[in-house]
Protein backbone atom coordinates (compact mmCIF):
# COMPACT_ATOMS: atom_id res chain seq x y z
CA MET A 1 59.66 -21.34 19.01
CA GLU A 2 60.10 -17.67 18.27
CA SER A 3 57.95 -17.91 15.13
CA PHE A 4 55.26 -19.69 17.17
CA ILE A 5 55.15 -16.78 19.65
CA LYS A 6 54.90 -14.29 16.78
CA PHE A 7 52.08 -16.34 15.31
CA LEU A 8 50.23 -16.40 18.66
CA THR A 9 50.61 -12.62 19.11
CA PHE A 10 49.39 -12.09 15.54
CA ILE A 11 46.33 -14.24 16.24
CA ALA A 12 45.68 -12.42 19.54
CA ILE A 13 45.91 -8.98 17.84
CA LEU A 14 43.65 -10.17 15.06
CA PHE A 15 41.11 -11.54 17.56
CA PHE A 16 40.98 -8.36 19.67
CA SER A 17 40.77 -6.08 16.65
CA THR A 18 37.76 -8.00 15.30
CA GLN A 19 36.12 -7.74 18.73
CA SER A 20 36.53 -3.97 18.74
CA PHE A 21 35.06 -3.63 15.23
CA SER A 22 32.08 -5.77 16.14
CA GLN A 23 31.21 -3.42 19.00
CA GLN A 24 31.13 -0.33 16.76
CA ILE A 25 33.09 1.83 19.15
CA TYR A 26 32.17 5.20 17.68
CA ASN A 27 28.47 4.54 17.04
CA VAL A 28 25.69 4.65 19.60
CA GLN A 29 24.43 1.15 20.22
CA ARG A 30 20.99 -0.15 21.03
CA GLY A 31 20.29 0.31 24.73
CA GLN A 32 22.58 3.30 25.07
CA ARG A 33 21.38 6.82 25.59
CA GLY A 34 20.88 8.60 22.27
CA TYR A 35 20.15 5.49 20.23
CA ILE A 36 17.63 6.11 17.48
CA PRO A 37 16.11 3.00 15.91
CA PRO A 38 15.94 2.81 12.12
CA PRO A 39 12.67 4.05 10.63
CA LYS A 40 9.87 1.58 9.99
CA TYR A 41 8.26 1.87 6.62
CA GLU A 42 4.51 1.50 6.42
CA ALA A 43 3.58 -0.98 3.73
CA SER A 44 0.12 0.45 3.26
CA ALA A 45 1.56 3.63 1.77
CA TYR A 46 2.71 1.66 -1.25
CA ILE A 47 0.37 0.52 -4.00
CA THR A 48 -0.54 -3.11 -3.56
CA THR A 49 -2.56 -5.56 -5.56
CA LEU A 50 -6.26 -5.99 -4.85
CA ASP A 51 -8.24 -9.07 -4.02
CA VAL A 52 -10.59 -9.00 -7.03
CA TYR A 53 -13.59 -10.75 -5.51
CA GLU A 54 -13.33 -8.91 -2.20
CA GLU A 55 -13.42 -5.58 -4.06
CA LEU A 56 -16.24 -6.89 -6.23
CA ASN A 57 -18.28 -7.72 -3.12
CA VAL A 58 -17.89 -4.12 -1.98
CA VAL A 59 -18.50 -2.26 -5.26
CA LEU A 60 -21.17 -4.35 -6.96
CA PRO A 61 -23.89 -4.20 -4.25
CA MET A 62 -23.47 -0.43 -3.97
CA CYS A 63 -23.85 -0.03 -7.74
CA VAL A 64 -26.86 -2.34 -7.91
CA ALA A 65 -28.58 -0.43 -5.10
CA SER A 66 -27.71 3.02 -6.47
CA PHE A 67 -28.63 2.42 -10.10
CA SER A 68 -31.37 -0.23 -9.63
CA LEU A 69 -29.79 -2.61 -12.13
CA ASP A 70 -31.57 -5.75 -13.29
CA GLU A 71 -29.88 -9.19 -13.32
CA PHE A 72 -28.56 -8.87 -16.88
CA GLU A 73 -27.01 -5.44 -16.26
CA THR A 74 -25.59 -6.69 -12.95
CA GLN A 75 -23.77 -9.55 -14.71
CA ILE A 76 -22.40 -7.17 -17.36
CA LEU A 77 -21.15 -4.79 -14.64
CA LYS A 78 -19.68 -7.72 -12.72
CA GLY A 79 -17.65 -8.81 -15.76
CA MET A 80 -16.48 -5.26 -16.39
CA LEU A 81 -15.39 -4.84 -12.76
CA VAL A 82 -13.50 -8.16 -12.73
CA LYS A 83 -11.69 -7.14 -15.91
CA LYS A 84 -10.89 -3.72 -14.41
CA PHE A 85 -9.48 -5.17 -11.16
CA ASP A 86 -7.44 -7.80 -13.03
CA SER A 87 -5.97 -5.10 -15.26
CA TYR A 88 -5.24 -2.99 -12.18
CA ASN A 89 -3.36 -5.89 -10.56
CA ALA A 90 -1.40 -6.49 -13.77
CA VAL A 91 -0.27 -2.85 -13.92
CA VAL A 92 0.60 -2.66 -10.21
CA SER A 93 2.54 -5.93 -10.16
CA ASN A 94 4.67 -4.93 -13.18
CA ALA A 95 7.95 -3.93 -11.52
CA ASP A 96 9.62 -2.96 -14.80
CA LEU A 97 7.66 0.28 -15.06
CA SER A 98 8.45 3.48 -13.20
CA LYS A 99 6.01 4.95 -10.71
CA GLU A 100 4.86 7.66 -13.14
CA ALA A 101 4.28 5.13 -15.93
CA ARG A 102 2.18 2.98 -13.61
CA GLN A 103 0.13 5.97 -12.51
CA ASP A 104 -0.46 6.97 -16.12
CA GLN A 105 -1.58 3.45 -16.99
CA LEU A 106 -3.90 3.35 -13.97
CA LYS A 107 -5.46 6.69 -14.98
CA GLN A 108 -5.96 5.41 -18.52
CA LEU A 109 -7.46 2.19 -17.16
CA GLU A 110 -9.96 4.20 -15.11
CA ILE A 111 -10.86 6.38 -18.12
CA ASP A 112 -11.41 3.31 -20.31
CA PHE A 113 -13.59 1.73 -17.62
CA VAL A 114 -15.75 4.85 -17.30
CA LYS A 115 -16.13 4.95 -21.10
CA SER A 116 -17.22 1.30 -21.11
CA LEU A 117 -19.90 2.06 -18.50
CA THR A 118 -21.92 3.81 -21.23
CA ILE A 119 -23.18 0.34 -22.25
CA ILE A 120 -25.40 -0.02 -19.18
CA LEU A 121 -25.54 3.41 -17.47
CA THR A 122 -26.82 6.82 -18.47
CA PRO A 123 -24.47 9.84 -18.39
CA ASP A 124 -26.02 11.04 -15.12
CA GLU A 125 -25.48 7.63 -13.53
CA ILE A 126 -21.89 7.59 -14.77
CA THR A 127 -21.15 10.90 -13.03
CA THR A 128 -22.79 9.47 -9.90
CA TYR A 129 -20.55 6.39 -10.17
CA VAL A 130 -17.42 8.54 -10.53
CA ASP A 131 -18.40 10.51 -7.41
CA MET A 132 -19.12 7.39 -5.32
CA ASP A 133 -16.74 6.48 -2.51
CA PHE A 134 -16.07 2.75 -2.24
CA ASN A 135 -13.79 2.84 0.82
CA LYS A 136 -14.50 0.14 3.36
CA LYS A 137 -13.55 2.30 6.32
CA LYS A 138 -16.43 3.96 8.06
CA LYS A 139 -15.67 7.40 9.32
CA GLY A 140 -16.59 7.97 12.92
CA LYS A 141 -17.84 11.18 14.37
CA LYS A 142 -15.25 13.57 15.66
CA ARG A 143 -16.02 14.57 19.19
CA LYS A 144 -15.04 17.81 20.79
CA LYS A 145 -13.08 17.72 23.97
CA LYS A 146 -14.74 19.38 26.91
CA ARG A 147 -12.78 22.22 28.39
CA LYS A 148 -12.79 23.07 32.02
CA LYS A 149 -13.68 26.63 32.75
CA ASP A 150 -11.38 28.45 35.11
CA ASN A 151 -13.27 30.41 37.79
């Protein structure tokens, strides 16, 4: 009987001690004053893979319009762009490489692509291509706020 009482007290102490640890006595809990939620990381800041044909639909029409390419040159450029985007995805998705190694490979990939453009574009058109901005986002006008004049 005495051992049974000791066993019950041991279980009661064990139960209450686990309850106190689960409440995190010394830390500020959610809902209490001073609670700071953990930071949320933005996924867009990290390099992600591209949808090849979506990017192709953005870049190719701009190039065709800018450089007035015929159908044959358009198909050559299309193949080169698909190869470039596939290589880009292969480099980005390789988790074994460090960030610097990936960036170096991406720079080399871009250099190789620009060199291969000499097949269908003139040097002036290549510099125009390098300076082109292919971002999908359209920049809106910044508007000034009107200030009230104090009389």
